[in-house]
Amino acid sequence: MYVDEDIVVDLAEPWRLESAKPGDLVTFTSPGRQLSVSILKFRREPEDIVVTIGRLYEHRLAAERRVLSAKDPFIVEPLRASGQRLVAFFSGEERAIGRIFSAQATSSTKVFVTAYFESLTGNFRDHFGMTAKVLGGVLVRG
């Protein structure tokens, strides 16, 4: 288990902590898979949190679209409220290199956290079978 002031990450074996820079990026690995958790802290509460988080989310999606071909599958869920947080999900496959990815963006008025789960081995079924458990192991504290 990994805990800092912004996140708690609870993953079972064979996951292991690869690197941690609290308040910025925490990375875990297991054979053929990686989980990267990026943390963006706000210096002050944004005036319009929905607009601010919407822009950050769109920026993340645009970066992903730049590396995908037109034939690569890409699923995007819109930003939605979940209690006191804003949450969004996207997933896809970069077929040229065999990368399957799923990400969940979660925001409070203090932080924007993106948990990014990648598989370099296996198939969609294997990856998606693990996605809810892996991304569900990341809790935003801020």
Foldseek 3Di string as FASTA:
>chain_A
DDDDQWKFFDDDPPKDWDDDDPQAWTKIDHVQKIKIKGKDWDPAQDPDNVVVVQVVVVVVVVVVVVQADPPKDKDWDDWDDDPQKIKIKMWTARVVQQKTKIWMWIDHRTMIMIIIMIGNDDDPVVCVVCVCVRNVRMDTND
